[in-house]
Protein backbone atom coordinates (compact mmCIF):
# COMPACT_ATOMS: atom_id res chain seq x y z
CA MET A 1 18.55 -0.68 20.87
CA ALA A 2 15.09 -0.26 19.45
CA ARG A 3 13.70 0.60 22.96
CA LEU A 4 16.41 3.27 23.72
CA ASP A 5 15.64 4.81 20.16
CA GLY A 6 11.97 4.87 21.09
CA GLU A 7 12.70 6.63 24.48
CA LEU A 8 14.58 9.19 22.65
CA LYS A 9 11.79 9.90 20.06
CA SER A 10 9.22 9.95 22.92
CA LYS A 11 11.06 12.93 24.39
CA TRP A 12 11.02 15.03 21.15
CA ARG A 13 9.38 18.45 21.17
CA PHE A 14 6.04 18.64 19.79
CA ASP A 15 7.02 20.92 16.81
CA LYS A 16 9.68 18.35 15.86
CA GLN A 17 6.99 15.39 16.13
CA VAL A 18 4.72 17.46 13.63
CA VAL A 19 7.78 18.09 11.37
CA MET A 20 8.55 14.66 11.18
CA GLY A 21 5.01 13.60 10.70
CA LEU A 22 4.82 16.00 7.56
CA ILE A 23 7.98 14.50 6.22
CA ALA A 24 6.95 10.86 6.95
CA ALA A 25 3.85 11.91 4.85
CA PHE A 26 5.91 13.43 2.02
CA TYR A 27 8.00 10.22 1.82
CA ILE A 28 4.67 7.89 1.58
CA GLY A 29 3.25 10.21 -0.97
CA PHE A 30 6.58 10.51 -3.02
CA SER A 31 6.75 6.70 -2.92
CA PHE A 32 3.26 6.28 -4.01
CA THR A 33 3.57 8.77 -6.74
CA VAL A 34 6.73 6.86 -8.13
CA CYS A 35 4.87 3.38 -7.59
CA MET A 36 1.83 5.02 -9.59
CA VAL A 37 4.03 6.42 -12.38
CA ILE A 38 6.30 3.25 -12.90
CA GLY A 39 3.74 0.51 -11.93
CA GLY A 40 0.55 2.16 -12.97
CA GLN A 41 1.36 3.49 -16.44
CA ILE A 42 2.41 0.25 -17.93
CA PRO A 43 -0.92 -0.99 -19.59
CA GLN A 44 0.83 -3.32 -21.94
CA ILE A 45 2.15 -5.30 -19.34
CA GLN A 46 -0.87 -5.14 -17.03
CA ALA A 47 -2.98 -6.62 -19.92
CA SER A 48 -0.57 -9.48 -20.96
CA ASN A 49 0.98 -10.19 -17.22
CA PRO A 50 -1.02 -8.60 -14.47
CA GLY A 51 1.19 -10.40 -12.09
CA LEU A 52 4.54 -8.72 -13.24
CA GLN A 53 2.66 -5.50 -13.34
CA SER A 54 1.77 -6.02 -9.48
CA LEU A 55 5.23 -6.86 -8.88
CA ILE A 56 6.60 -3.77 -10.62
CA TYR A 57 3.88 -1.61 -8.71
CA GLY A 58 4.62 -3.02 -5.37
CA ALA A 59 8.27 -2.98 -5.62
CA PHE A 60 8.70 0.70 -6.44
CA GLY A 61 6.08 2.13 -4.03
CA PHE A 62 5.52 0.80 -0.51
CA PRO A 63 8.84 -0.46 0.25
CA LEU A 64 10.58 2.72 -0.60
CA GLY A 65 8.03 4.81 1.54
CA LEU A 66 8.28 2.33 4.43
CA PHE A 67 12.13 2.67 4.28
CA MET A 68 12.21 6.28 4.43
CA ILE A 69 9.81 6.44 7.38
CA CYS A 70 11.78 3.83 9.34
CA VAL A 71 14.64 6.16 8.71
CA CYS A 72 13.09 9.31 10.03
CA TRP A 73 10.10 7.72 12.11
CA VAL A 74 6.91 9.31 12.94
CA LEU A 75 5.05 9.93 16.22
CA SER A 76 2.43 12.33 14.99
CA TRP A 77 -0.47 10.49 13.21
CA PHE A 78 -2.10 14.23 12.44
CA ALA A 79 1.03 15.60 11.03
CA ASN A 80 1.34 12.60 8.82
CA LEU A 81 -2.23 13.16 7.72
CA ALA A 82 -1.62 16.96 6.94
CA GLY A 83 1.49 15.94 5.08
CA SER A 84 -0.36 13.28 2.73
CA ILE A 85 -3.06 16.07 2.05
CA ILE A 86 -0.17 18.58 1.04
CA MET A 87 1.67 15.95 -0.95
CA ALA A 88 -1.54 14.78 -2.79
CA ASN A 89 -2.20 18.55 -3.66
CA ILE A 90 1.47 19.12 -4.94
CA VAL A 91 1.17 16.04 -7.18
CA TYR A 92 -2.46 17.25 -8.47
CA ALA A 93 -0.89 20.72 -9.19
CA ALA A 94 2.07 19.21 -10.91
CA TRP A 95 -0.53 17.39 -13.34
CA ILE A 96 1.67 14.25 -12.94
CA PHE A 97 -1.29 11.98 -13.91
CA HIS A 98 -3.11 14.48 -16.24
CA GLY A 99 -4.56 12.61 -19.20
CA ARG A 100 -3.53 9.32 -17.56
CA GLU A 101 -6.03 9.22 -14.86
CA GLU A 102 -7.55 5.74 -15.95
CA PHE A 103 -5.58 3.38 -13.81
CA THR A 104 -5.63 5.75 -10.77
CA VAL A 105 -9.48 6.02 -10.90
CA HIS A 106 -9.41 2.00 -11.52
CA LEU A 107 -7.31 1.61 -8.46
CA ALA A 108 -9.34 3.88 -6.16
CA GLU A 109 -12.89 2.05 -7.58
CA HIS A 110 -11.25 -1.35 -6.90
CA LYS A 111 -10.02 -0.50 -3.30
CA VAL A 112 -13.32 0.83 -2.18
CA ALA A 113 -15.42 -2.09 -3.87
CA TYR A 114 -14.59 -4.47 -1.04
CA PRO A 115 -16.97 -5.11 2.10
CA PHE A 116 -15.78 -3.86 5.32
CA SER A 117 -14.62 -7.36 6.81
CA VAL A 118 -12.44 -7.81 3.70
CA CYS A 119 -10.53 -4.38 4.12
CA LEU A 120 -10.30 -4.97 7.70
CA MET A 121 -8.52 -8.45 6.96
CA LYS A 122 -6.47 -6.87 4.18
CA GLY A 123 -5.41 -4.20 6.86
CA VAL A 124 -4.50 -6.74 9.28
CA LEU A 125 -2.40 -8.73 6.81
CA ALA A 126 -0.82 -5.68 5.33
CA ASN A 127 0.25 -4.30 8.86
CA TRP A 128 1.60 -7.89 9.90
CA LEU A 129 3.89 -7.60 6.84
CA VAL A 130 4.92 -3.90 7.81
CA ASN A 131 5.88 -4.96 11.17
CA LEU A 132 7.57 -8.04 10.04
CA ALA A 133 9.64 -5.83 7.42
CA ILE A 134 10.55 -3.40 10.40
CA TRP A 135 11.45 -6.19 12.66
CA ILE A 136 13.60 -8.09 10.10
């Protein structure tokens, strides 16, 4: 069944692939925004129970975006990149994090502080879990 679905999607016209890539990026951007609004804006829980904060943060973000992408699927990486840039600009223009940038900046600084080898291994493990989630 998955093979047939993949064959069908490989025959999509280029413009449909681009549109689906944009939509997939919007889904990831939306789920990340939900993740940041719900999980990133609870400093009391983060201070007293960082594990619970990470659970809440993770439960609302990535699974939602992954589910939405699996439903619509994507074949175009560039369209996904373009969609994520558009979504980031929409979130920025909407002032969703205006005055509450502390956690977002902290998260970004934390993510770029690792050496390349650590980032690579985290990426391998994360993609392993992504593929496991899709396979299940």
